[in-house]
Amino acid sequence: TQMPRSAFRKKLLAMLARGPTVGALMDLCEGNFLMLARLVPDLTRMAGAYVSCPVGAAPLQLEVLEHTPYTSLVRLTHLFGHDASREPDPDARLRIYHDARQAEVIDLRQSVLPLHGMYDAPGLVQKWRANHFAWRWLQFCLAQGHDFRLSEHLARGARDLTAPLTA
């Protein structure tokens, strides 16, 4: 059975207040999966790079790096600045475990939250911080109206809100 979104959010907020544990990290990765599923509902059918540009928001780039039978690897980044001077920040690689309904930060580069030695001791704290950052960032992206629906992209054509990147 699937927990309603509002109940899951309350559970996740309570867990965040308690701090990092293995269970808290798994809950956070489940929250990341749920938000990515809303942001990129057609992920398993997508390949390549896409950009979402809602009016008034910085472009959000999604690059599908790999699909395996049970996982996907994506890069998600905001592009701030203008044209050639755009800086990717945050810039994250996320592994999505479709069968376990988890999305874990594999690599995160950003200037807001200092993260060093993500897999060094104490690795749990660093991974929890990175995934907590991703959870908050995904909430922000959804609130801004970012959307990578493949069906809408195909209906609108490549020049509209969600378009594949061109080299």
C-alpha atoms as a PDB file:
ATOM      1  CA  THR A   1       0.000   0.000   0.000  1.00  0.00           C
ATOM      2  CA  GLN A   2       1.193   3.483  -0.800  1.00  0.00           C
ATOM      3  CA  MET A   3       1.112   6.240   1.822  1.00  0.00           C
ATOM      4  CA  PRO A   4      -0.736   9.438   0.766  1.00  0.00           C
ATOM      5  CA  ARG A   5       1.619  12.248  -0.273  1.00  0.00           C
ATOM      6  CA  SER A   6       0.730  14.538   2.673  1.00  0.00           C
ATOM      7  CA  ALA A   7       1.210  11.725   5.224  1.00  0.00           C
ATOM      8  CA  PHE A   8       4.564  10.806   3.691  1.00  0.00           C
ATOM      9  CA  ARG A   9       5.645  14.463   3.803  1.00  0.00           C
ATOM     10  CA  LYS A  10       4.762  14.698   7.527  1.00  0.00           C
ATOM     11  CA  LYS A  11       6.668  11.476   8.221  1.00  0.00           C
ATOM     12  CA  LEU A  12       9.674  12.765   6.281  1.00  0.00           C
ATOM     13  CA  LEU A  13       9.681  16.151   8.056  1.00  0.00           C
ATOM     14  CA  ALA A  14       9.555  14.412  11.455  1.00  0.00           C
ATOM     15  CA  MET A  15      12.429  12.157  10.408  1.00  0.00           C
ATOM     16  CA  LEU A  16      14.494  15.132   9.220  1.00  0.00           C
ATOM     17  CA  ALA A  17      14.149  16.735  12.634  1.00  0.00           C
ATOM     18  CA  ARG A  18      15.661  13.632  14.299  1.00  0.00           C
ATOM     19  CA  GLY A  19      18.791  13.544  12.098  1.00  0.00           C
ATOM     20  CA  PRO A  20      20.614  10.925  10.043  1.00  0.00           C
ATOM     21  CA  THR A  21      20.091   7.189  10.474  1.00  0.00           C
ATOM     22  CA  VAL A  22      20.100   4.430   7.880  1.00  0.00           C
ATOM     23  CA  GLY A  23      16.293   4.361   8.054  1.00  0.00           C
ATOM     24  CA  ALA A  24      16.117   8.152   7.679  1.00  0.00           C
ATOM     25  CA  LEU A  25      18.381   7.961   4.618  1.00  0.00           C
ATOM     26  CA  MET A  26      16.104   5.325   3.052  1.00  0.00           C
ATOM     27  CA  ASP A  27      13.030   7.487   3.766  1.00  0.00           C
ATOM     28  CA  LEU A  28      14.790  10.470   2.206  1.00  0.00           C
ATOM     29  CA  CYS A  29      15.674   8.428  -0.893  1.00  0.00           C
ATOM     30  CA  GLU A  30      12.032   7.333  -1.128  1.00  0.00           C
ATOM     31  CA  GLY A  31      10.968  10.986  -0.955  1.00  0.00           C
ATOM     32  CA  ASN A  32      13.459  11.828  -3.704  1.00  0.00           C
ATOM     33  CA  PHE A  33      12.037   9.000  -5.834  1.00  0.00           C
ATOM     34  CA  LEU A  34       8.464  10.261  -5.392  1.00  0.00           C
ATOM     35  CA  MET A  35       9.390  13.820  -6.394  1.00  0.00           C
ATOM     36  CA  LEU A  36      11.470  12.642  -9.374  1.00  0.00           C
ATOM     37  CA  ALA A  37       8.505  10.530 -10.484  1.00  0.00           C
ATOM     38  CA  ARG A  38       6.409  13.720 -10.555  1.00  0.00           C
ATOM     39  CA  LEU A  39       9.153  15.748 -12.242  1.00  0.00           C
ATOM     40  CA  VAL A  40      10.078  13.074 -14.820  1.00  0.00           C
ATOM     41  CA  PRO A  41       7.109  10.690 -15.093  1.00  0.00           C
ATOM     42  CA  ASP A  42       8.324   9.189 -18.385  1.00  0.00           C
ATOM     43  CA  LEU A  43      11.925   8.591 -17.286  1.00  0.00           C
ATOM     44  CA  THR A  44      12.149   4.948 -18.365  1.00  0.00           C
ATOM     45  CA  ARG A  45      11.154   5.937 -21.919  1.00  0.00           C
ATOM     46  CA  MET A  46      13.571   8.862 -22.173  1.00  0.00           C
ATOM     47  CA  ALA A  47      17.135   9.063 -23.499  1.00  0.00           C
ATOM     48  CA  GLY A  48      19.457  11.990 -23.983  1.00  0.00           C
ATOM     49  CA  ALA A  49      19.194  15.509 -22.581  1.00  0.00           C
ATOM     50  CA  TYR A  50      16.194  17.767 -21.977  1.00  0.00           C
ATOM     51  CA  VAL A  51      15.651  21.276 -20.628  1.00  0.00           C
ATOM     52  CA  SER A  52      12.654  22.595 -18.698  1.00  0.00           C
ATOM     53  CA  CYS A  53      12.191  26.387 -18.793  1.00  0.00           C
ATOM     54  CA  PRO A  54       9.043  27.614 -17.035  1.00  0.00           C
ATOM     55  CA  VAL A  55       8.482  31.354 -17.329  1.00  0.00           C
ATOM     56  CA  GLY A  56      10.482  33.225 -14.693  1.00  0.00           C
ATOM     57  CA  ALA A  57      12.613  30.232 -13.638  1.00  0.00           C
ATOM     58  CA  ALA A  58      16.200  29.273 -14.372  1.00  0.00           C
ATOM     59  CA  PRO A  59      16.489  26.415 -16.892  1.00  0.00           C
ATOM     60  CA  LEU A  60      16.646  22.934 -15.395  1.00  0.00           C
ATOM     61  CA  GLN A  61      18.570  20.349 -17.415  1.00  0.00           C
ATOM     62  CA  LEU A  62      17.942  16.614 -17.242  1.00  0.00           C
ATOM     63  CA  GLU A  63      20.357  14.199 -18.884  1.00  0.00           C
ATOM     64  CA  VAL A  64      19.524  10.492 -18.909  1.00  0.00           C
ATOM     65  CA  LEU A  65      22.927   8.828 -18.637  1.00  0.00           C
ATOM     66  CA  GLU A  66      21.970   5.159 -18.370  1.00  0.00           C
ATOM     67  CA  HIS A  67      19.125   2.686 -18.088  1.00  0.00           C
ATOM     68  CA  THR A  68      19.432  -0.869 -16.778  1.00  0.00           C
ATOM     69  CA  PRO A  69      16.547  -3.263 -16.114  1.00  0.00           C
ATOM     70  CA  TYR A  70      16.074  -1.978 -12.540  1.00  0.00           C
ATOM     71  CA  THR A  71      17.834   1.394 -12.396  1.00  0.00           C
ATOM     72  CA  SER A  72      18.404   4.658 -14.213  1.00  0.00           C
ATOM     73  CA  LEU A  73      21.229   7.151 -13.812  1.00  0.00           C
ATOM     74  CA  VAL A  74      20.451  10.817 -14.472  1.00  0.00           C
ATOM     75  CA  ARG A  75      22.188  14.147 -14.184  1.00  0.00           C
ATOM     76  CA  LEU A  76      20.028  17.051 -13.028  1.00  0.00           C
ATOM     77  CA  THR A  77      21.331  20.603 -12.937  1.00  0.00           C
ATOM     78  CA  HIS A  78      20.138  24.179 -12.833  1.00  0.00           C
ATOM     79  CA  LEU A  79      21.742  26.487 -15.386  1.00  0.00           C
ATOM     80  CA  PHE A  80      22.241  30.007 -14.077  1.00  0.00           C
ATOM     81  CA  GLY A  81      23.696  32.889 -16.080  1.00  0.00           C
ATOM     82  CA  HIS A  82      23.436  33.667 -19.754  1.00  0.00           C
ATOM     83  CA  ASP A  83      24.344  31.484 -22.726  1.00  0.00           C
ATOM     84  CA  ALA A  84      28.043  30.505 -22.655  1.00  0.00           C
ATOM     85  CA  SER A  85      28.570  31.735 -19.080  1.00  0.00           C
ATOM     86  CA  ARG A  86      25.951  29.426 -17.570  1.00  0.00           C
ATOM     87  CA  GLU A  87      27.071  27.791 -14.349  1.00  0.00           C
ATOM     88  CA  PRO A  88      25.600  24.401 -13.367  1.00  0.00           C
ATOM     89  CA  ASP A  89      24.671  24.717  -9.685  1.00  0.00           C
ATOM     90  CA  PRO A  90      23.377  22.498  -8.172  1.00  0.00           C
ATOM     91  CA  ASP A  91      24.692  19.695 -10.372  1.00  0.00           C
ATOM     92  CA  ALA A  92      23.737  16.179  -9.273  1.00  0.00           C
ATOM     93  CA  ARG A  93      23.953  12.619 -10.507  1.00  0.00           C
ATOM     94  CA  LEU A  94      21.125  10.495  -9.139  1.00  0.00           C
ATOM     95  CA  ARG A  95      20.701   6.720  -9.271  1.00  0.00           C
ATOM     96  CA  ILE A  96      17.028   5.751  -9.450  1.00  0.00           C
ATOM     97  CA  TYR A  97      16.134   2.261  -8.210  1.00  0.00           C
ATOM     98  CA  HIS A  98      12.783   1.649  -9.901  1.00  0.00           C
ATOM     99  CA  ASP A  99      12.012  -1.636  -8.136  1.00  0.00           C
ATOM    100  CA  ALA A 100      12.874  -0.324  -4.646  1.00  0.00           C
ATOM    101  CA  ARG A 101      11.322   3.112  -5.323  1.00  0.00           C
ATOM    102  CA  GLN A 102      14.471   4.937  -4.182  1.00  0.00           C
ATOM    103  CA  ALA A 103      16.521   7.777  -5.721  1.00  0.00           C
ATOM    104  CA  GLU A 104      19.971   8.315  -4.226  1.00  0.00           C
ATOM    105  CA  VAL A 105      22.446  11.116  -4.812  1.00  0.00           C
ATOM    106  CA  ILE A 106      25.608   9.592  -6.291  1.00  0.00           C
ATOM    107  CA  ASP A 107      27.447  12.878  -6.782  1.00  0.00           C
ATOM    108  CA  LEU A 108      26.495  16.440  -5.866  1.00  0.00           C
ATOM    109  CA  ARG A 109      28.307  19.629  -6.734  1.00  0.00           C
ATOM    110  CA  GLN A 110      26.809  22.843  -5.414  1.00  0.00           C
ATOM    111  CA  SER A 111      27.873  25.981  -3.638  1.00  0.00           C
ATOM    112  CA  VAL A 112      25.241  26.226  -0.889  1.00  0.00           C
ATOM    113  CA  LEU A 113      25.933  23.200   1.334  1.00  0.00           C
ATOM    114  CA  PRO A 114      29.559  22.178   2.032  1.00  0.00           C
ATOM    115  CA  LEU A 115      29.892  18.453   1.345  1.00  0.00           C
ATOM    116  CA  HIS A 116      33.281  16.797   1.536  1.00  0.00           C
ATOM    117  CA  GLY A 117      34.173  13.121   1.576  1.00  0.00           C
ATOM    118  CA  MET A 118      30.688  11.845   0.814  1.00  0.00           C
ATOM    119  CA  TYR A 119      31.830   8.234   1.152  1.00  0.00           C
ATOM    120  CA  ASP A 120      34.438   8.820   3.871  1.00  0.00           C
ATOM    121  CA  ALA A 121      33.603   8.386   7.551  1.00  0.00           C
ATOM    122  CA  PRO A 122      31.131   9.616   8.663  1.00  0.00           C
ATOM    123  CA  GLY A 123      29.633   8.686   5.288  1.00  0.00           C
ATOM    124  CA  LEU A 124      26.087   8.322   6.551  1.00  0.00           C
ATOM    125  CA  VAL A 125      25.959  11.969   7.636  1.00  0.00           C
ATOM    126  CA  GLN A 126      27.362  13.178   4.309  1.00  0.00           C
ATOM    127  CA  LYS A 127      24.994  10.999   2.243  1.00  0.00           C
ATOM    128  CA  TRP A 128      22.060  12.089   4.399  1.00  0.00           C
ATOM    129  CA  ARG A 129      22.975  15.762   3.885  1.00  0.00           C
ATOM    130  CA  ALA A 130      23.334  15.307   0.118  1.00  0.00           C
ATOM    131  CA  ASN A 131      20.004  13.496  -0.175  1.00  0.00           C
ATOM    132  CA  HIS A 132      18.310  16.022   2.107  1.00  0.00           C
ATOM    133  CA  PHE A 133      19.615  18.794  -0.147  1.00  0.00           C
ATOM    134  CA  ALA A 134      18.282  16.913  -3.204  1.00  0.00           C
ATOM    135  CA  TRP A 135      14.890  16.497  -1.527  1.00  0.00           C
ATOM    136  CA  ARG A 136      14.624  20.252  -0.880  1.00  0.00           C
ATOM    137  CA  TRP A 137      15.911  21.084  -4.382  1.00  0.00           C
ATOM    138  CA  LEU A 138      13.393  18.740  -6.047  1.00  0.00           C
ATOM    139  CA  GLN A 139      10.596  20.396  -4.047  1.00  0.00           C
ATOM    140  CA  PHE A 140      11.814  23.777  -5.326  1.00  0.00           C
ATOM    141  CA  CYS A 141      11.934  22.543  -8.945  1.00  0.00           C
ATOM    142  CA  LEU A 142       8.386  21.197  -8.754  1.00  0.00           C
ATOM    143  CA  ALA A 143       7.128  24.389  -7.094  1.00  0.00           C
ATOM    144  CA  GLN A 144       8.639  26.423  -9.953  1.00  0.00           C
ATOM    145  CA  GLY A 145       6.685  24.353 -12.455  1.00  0.00           C
ATOM    146  CA  HIS A 146       9.509  22.306 -13.966  1.00  0.00           C
ATOM    147  CA  ASP A 147       8.229  19.258 -15.825  1.00  0.00           C
ATOM    148  CA  PHE A 148       9.870  16.725 -18.117  1.00  0.00           C
ATOM    149  CA  ARG A 149       6.766  14.939 -19.420  1.00  0.00           C
ATOM    150  CA  LEU A 150       7.715  13.242 -22.648  1.00  0.00           C
ATOM    151  CA  SER A 151       4.112  13.299 -23.906  1.00  0.00           C
ATOM    152  CA  GLU A 152       3.905  17.080 -23.557  1.00  0.00           C
ATOM    153  CA  HIS A 153       7.267  17.492 -25.227  1.00  0.00           C
ATOM    154  CA  LEU A 154       6.131  15.450 -28.223  1.00  0.00           C
ATOM    155  CA  ALA A 155       2.828  17.331 -28.460  1.00  0.00           C
ATOM    156  CA  ARG A 156       4.395  20.812 -28.256  1.00  0.00           C
ATOM    157  CA  GLY A 157       7.486  20.238 -30.351  1.00  0.00           C
ATOM    158  CA  ALA A 158      11.134  20.829 -29.560  1.00  0.00           C
ATOM    159  CA  ARG A 159      10.899  24.635 -29.270  1.00  0.00           C
ATOM    160  CA  ASP A 160       8.583  24.777 -26.246  1.00  0.00           C
ATOM    161  CA  LEU A 161       8.889  24.391 -22.452  1.00  0.00           C
ATOM    162  CA  THR A 162      10.444  20.931 -22.385  1.00  0.00           C
ATOM    163  CA  ALA A 163      12.795  20.450 -25.288  1.00  0.00           C
ATOM    164  CA  PRO A 164      15.752  18.215 -26.044  1.00  0.00           C
ATOM    165  CA  LEU A 165      19.080  19.984 -25.936  1.00  0.00           C
ATOM    166  CA  THR A 166      20.792  20.547 -29.236  1.00  0.00           C
ATOM    167  CA  ALA A 167      24.566  20.465 -29.483  1.00  0.00           C
END
